[in-house]
Amino acid sequence: MLIPYQLLEPETLDALLEDFVTRDGTDNGDDSSLEVRVAQVRRLLERKEVVIVFHPDTGDTSLAHRHSVPPELLEAFLE
């Protein structure tokens, strides 16, 4: 299930983005500050290049590049 970022409380979205950019393997050698990396991912969300995916079976939430999302899910989300 895809979740529009606008539906999240600002604090929840900030926490999700901070969690994502601080995970092992996500810095790719980037020495930017936490704030800069969060802002970069926020812009990707705003441009719909990245989407928030909620996995109801596990209760986990993750970010995914739109190209990795099944077309039928993405189609309804982008309307």
N, C-alpha and C. Protein backbone atom coordinates (compact mmCIF):
# COMPACT_ATOMS: atom_id res chain seq x y z
N MET A 1 0.85 -1.16 0.00
CA MET A 1 0.00 0.00 0.00
C MET A 1 0.91 1.23 0.00
N LEU A 2 0.61 2.17 -0.90
CA LEU A 2 1.38 3.40 -0.98
C LEU A 2 0.68 4.49 -0.16
N ILE A 3 1.48 5.24 0.58
CA ILE A 3 0.95 6.27 1.47
C ILE A 3 1.43 7.64 0.97
N PRO A 4 0.51 8.53 0.64
CA PRO A 4 0.94 9.89 0.27
C PRO A 4 1.63 10.56 1.47
N TYR A 5 2.79 11.12 1.24
CA TYR A 5 3.54 11.72 2.34
C TYR A 5 2.77 12.86 3.00
N GLN A 6 1.87 13.49 2.26
CA GLN A 6 1.10 14.61 2.80
C GLN A 6 0.12 14.17 3.90
N LEU A 7 -0.19 12.89 3.95
CA LEU A 7 -1.11 12.39 4.97
C LEU A 7 -0.43 12.17 6.32
N LEU A 8 0.89 12.16 6.33
CA LEU A 8 1.62 11.94 7.58
C LEU A 8 1.77 13.24 8.35
N GLU A 9 1.73 13.12 9.66
CA GLU A 9 2.05 14.27 10.50
C GLU A 9 3.50 14.68 10.21
N PRO A 10 3.80 15.97 10.24
CA PRO A 10 5.17 16.41 9.93
C PRO A 10 6.24 15.70 10.77
N GLU A 11 5.96 15.49 12.04
CA GLU A 11 6.94 14.82 12.91
C GLU A 11 7.15 13.36 12.50
N THR A 12 6.07 12.71 12.08
CA THR A 12 6.16 11.32 11.64
C THR A 12 6.96 11.22 10.35
N LEU A 13 6.69 12.12 9.41
CA LEU A 13 7.44 12.13 8.16
C LEU A 13 8.91 12.40 8.42
N ASP A 14 9.22 13.36 9.27
CA ASP A 14 10.62 13.66 9.61
C ASP A 14 11.30 12.43 10.18
N ALA A 15 10.63 11.74 11.09
CA ALA A 15 11.22 10.54 11.71
C ALA A 15 11.44 9.45 10.67
N LEU A 16 10.49 9.26 9.76
CA LEU A 16 10.63 8.26 8.71
C LEU A 16 11.82 8.59 7.81
N LEU A 17 11.94 9.84 7.41
CA LEU A 17 13.04 10.24 6.54
C LEU A 17 14.38 10.13 7.25
N GLU A 18 14.43 10.55 8.50
CA GLU A 18 15.68 10.44 9.27
C GLU A 18 16.09 8.98 9.42
N ASP A 19 15.13 8.11 9.70
CA ASP A 19 15.42 6.68 9.82
C ASP A 19 15.98 6.15 8.51
N PHE A 20 15.38 6.54 7.41
CA PHE A 20 15.82 6.06 6.11
C PHE A 20 17.25 6.50 5.80
N VAL A 21 17.54 7.78 5.97
CA VAL A 21 18.87 8.28 5.56
C VAL A 21 19.98 7.87 6.53
N THR A 22 19.63 7.35 7.70
CA THR A 22 20.67 6.92 8.64
C THR A 22 20.86 5.41 8.67
N ARG A 23 20.13 4.68 7.86
CA ARG A 23 20.30 3.23 7.81
C ARG A 23 21.64 2.89 7.20
N ASP A 24 22.19 1.77 7.63
CA ASP A 24 23.45 1.30 7.06
C ASP A 24 23.30 1.13 5.55
N GLY A 25 24.29 1.63 4.82
CA GLY A 25 24.31 1.47 3.38
C GLY A 25 23.57 2.53 2.60
N THR A 26 22.97 3.52 3.29
CA THR A 26 22.23 4.53 2.55
C THR A 26 23.01 5.81 2.32
N ASP A 27 24.17 5.95 2.97
CA ASP A 27 24.91 7.20 2.79
C ASP A 27 25.74 7.22 1.52
N ASN A 28 26.10 6.05 0.99
CA ASN A 28 26.86 5.96 -0.26
C ASN A 28 28.06 6.90 -0.28
N GLY A 29 28.71 7.05 0.85
CA GLY A 29 29.88 7.92 0.94
C GLY A 29 29.55 9.39 1.00
N ASP A 30 28.28 9.71 1.17
CA ASP A 30 27.83 11.10 1.22
C ASP A 30 28.16 11.68 2.59
N ASP A 31 28.92 12.77 2.61
CA ASP A 31 29.30 13.40 3.87
C ASP A 31 28.35 14.54 4.25
N SER A 32 27.23 14.64 3.55
CA SER A 32 26.27 15.72 3.85
C SER A 32 25.68 15.53 5.24
N SER A 33 25.21 16.63 5.79
CA SER A 33 24.59 16.57 7.11
C SER A 33 23.26 15.82 7.04
N LEU A 34 22.78 15.41 8.18
CA LEU A 34 21.49 14.73 8.27
C LEU A 34 20.40 15.59 7.65
N GLU A 35 20.40 16.87 7.96
CA GLU A 35 19.37 17.77 7.46
C GLU A 35 19.38 17.84 5.92
N VAL A 36 20.56 17.87 5.35
CA VAL A 36 20.68 17.94 3.90
C VAL A 36 20.17 16.65 3.27
N ARG A 37 20.55 15.50 3.83
CA ARG A 37 20.10 14.22 3.28
C ARG A 37 18.59 14.06 3.41
N VAL A 38 18.03 14.49 4.54
CA VAL A 38 16.57 14.43 4.72
C VAL A 38 15.89 15.33 3.68
N ALA A 39 16.41 16.51 3.47
CA ALA A 39 15.83 17.44 2.49
C ALA A 39 15.89 16.86 1.07
N GLN A 40 16.97 16.17 0.76
CA GLN A 40 17.09 15.56 -0.57
C GLN A 40 16.01 14.50 -0.78
N VAL A 41 15.81 13.66 0.22
CA VAL A 41 14.79 12.61 0.10
C VAL A 41 13.39 13.23 0.09
N ARG A 42 13.18 14.27 0.87
CA ARG A 42 11.88 14.97 0.87
C ARG A 42 11.57 15.49 -0.54
N ARG A 43 12.57 16.05 -1.22
CA ARG A 43 12.36 16.54 -2.59
C ARG A 43 12.00 15.39 -3.53
N LEU A 44 12.62 14.24 -3.34
CA LEU A 44 12.27 13.07 -4.16
C LEU A 44 10.82 12.65 -3.93
N LEU A 45 10.36 12.73 -2.68
CA LEU A 45 8.96 12.44 -2.38
C LEU A 45 8.04 13.45 -3.07
N GLU A 46 8.39 14.71 -2.97
CA GLU A 46 7.57 15.76 -3.57
C GLU A 46 7.48 15.62 -5.09
N ARG A 47 8.54 15.13 -5.71
CA ARG A 47 8.55 14.93 -7.17
C ARG A 47 8.00 13.55 -7.55
N LYS A 48 7.58 12.78 -6.55
CA LYS A 48 7.01 11.44 -6.73
C LYS A 48 7.99 10.48 -7.39
N GLU A 49 9.29 10.72 -7.18
CA GLU A 49 10.31 9.79 -7.64
C GLU A 49 10.49 8.67 -6.62
N VAL A 50 10.17 8.98 -5.38
CA VAL A 50 10.22 8.02 -4.28
C VAL A 50 8.85 8.03 -3.63
N VAL A 51 8.40 6.85 -3.20
CA VAL A 51 7.09 6.73 -2.55
C VAL A 51 7.24 6.03 -1.21
N ILE A 52 6.27 6.26 -0.34
CA ILE A 52 6.23 5.59 0.96
C ILE A 52 5.39 4.34 0.80
N VAL A 53 5.96 3.21 1.20
CA VAL A 53 5.28 1.93 1.09
C VAL A 53 5.00 1.40 2.48
N PHE A 54 3.74 1.10 2.75
CA PHE A 54 3.35 0.46 4.01
C PHE A 54 3.08 -1.00 3.71
N HIS A 55 3.69 -1.88 4.49
CA HIS A 55 3.54 -3.32 4.33
C HIS A 55 2.59 -3.82 5.42
N PRO A 56 1.30 -3.99 5.10
CA PRO A 56 0.32 -4.34 6.13
C PRO A 56 0.60 -5.67 6.82
N ASP A 57 1.24 -6.61 6.13
CA ASP A 57 1.52 -7.90 6.76
C ASP A 57 2.51 -7.80 7.91
N THR A 58 3.45 -6.87 7.80
CA THR A 58 4.50 -6.74 8.82
C THR A 58 4.37 -5.47 9.65
N GLY A 59 3.61 -4.49 9.13
CA GLY A 59 3.50 -3.21 9.81
C GLY A 59 4.68 -2.30 9.54
N ASP A 60 5.58 -2.72 8.65
CA ASP A 60 6.76 -1.93 8.32
C ASP A 60 6.42 -0.86 7.29
N THR A 61 7.17 0.21 7.34
CA THR A 61 7.06 1.28 6.37
C THR A 61 8.44 1.48 5.76
N SER A 62 8.48 1.67 4.44
CA SER A 62 9.76 1.89 3.78
C SER A 62 9.58 2.89 2.66
N LEU A 63 10.69 3.30 2.09
CA LEU A 63 10.68 4.16 0.93
C LEU A 63 11.15 3.33 -0.26
N ALA A 64 10.54 3.58 -1.41
CA ALA A 64 10.92 2.84 -2.62
C ALA A 64 10.94 3.79 -3.80
N HIS A 65 11.87 3.54 -4.70
CA HIS A 65 11.88 4.30 -5.95
C HIS A 65 10.65 3.89 -6.75
N ARG A 66 10.01 4.83 -7.39
CA ARG A 66 8.76 4.54 -8.09
C ARG A 66 8.91 3.47 -9.15
N HIS A 67 10.11 3.30 -9.72
CA HIS A 67 10.32 2.28 -10.75
C HIS A 67 10.31 0.86 -10.17
N SER A 68 10.43 0.75 -8.85
CA SER A 68 10.42 -0.58 -8.23
C SER A 68 9.04 -0.95 -7.68
N VAL A 69 8.06 -0.08 -7.89
CA VAL A 69 6.70 -0.31 -7.40
C VAL A 69 5.87 -0.92 -8.53
N PRO A 70 5.07 -1.95 -8.23
CA PRO A 70 4.23 -2.54 -9.27
C PRO A 70 3.35 -1.46 -9.94
N PRO A 71 3.27 -1.50 -11.26
CA PRO A 71 2.54 -0.47 -12.00
C PRO A 71 1.09 -0.27 -11.54
N GLU A 72 0.41 -1.33 -11.17
CA GLU A 72 -0.98 -1.19 -10.76
C GLU A 72 -1.12 -0.40 -9.46
N LEU A 73 -0.16 -0.52 -8.55
CA LEU A 73 -0.17 0.28 -7.33
C LEU A 73 0.17 1.74 -7.64
N LEU A 74 1.15 1.92 -8.45
CA LEU A 74 1.62 3.26 -8.79
C LEU A 74 0.57 4.04 -9.58
N GLU A 75 -0.11 3.37 -10.48
CA GLU A 75 -1.11 4.02 -11.32
C GLU A 75 -2.19 4.71 -10.47
N ALA A 76 -2.74 3.98 -9.52
CA ALA A 76 -3.78 4.55 -8.66
C ALA A 76 -3.22 5.65 -7.78
N PHE A 77 -1.99 5.51 -7.35
CA PHE A 77 -1.36 6.49 -6.46
C PHE A 77 -1.10 7.82 -7.15
N LEU A 78 -0.69 7.78 -8.39
CA LEU A 78 -0.30 8.99 -9.09
C LEU A 78 -1.46 9.77 -9.70
N GLU A 79 -2.65 9.21 -9.64
CA GLU A 79 -3.82 9.91 -10.21
C GLU A 79 -4.17 11.12 -9.42
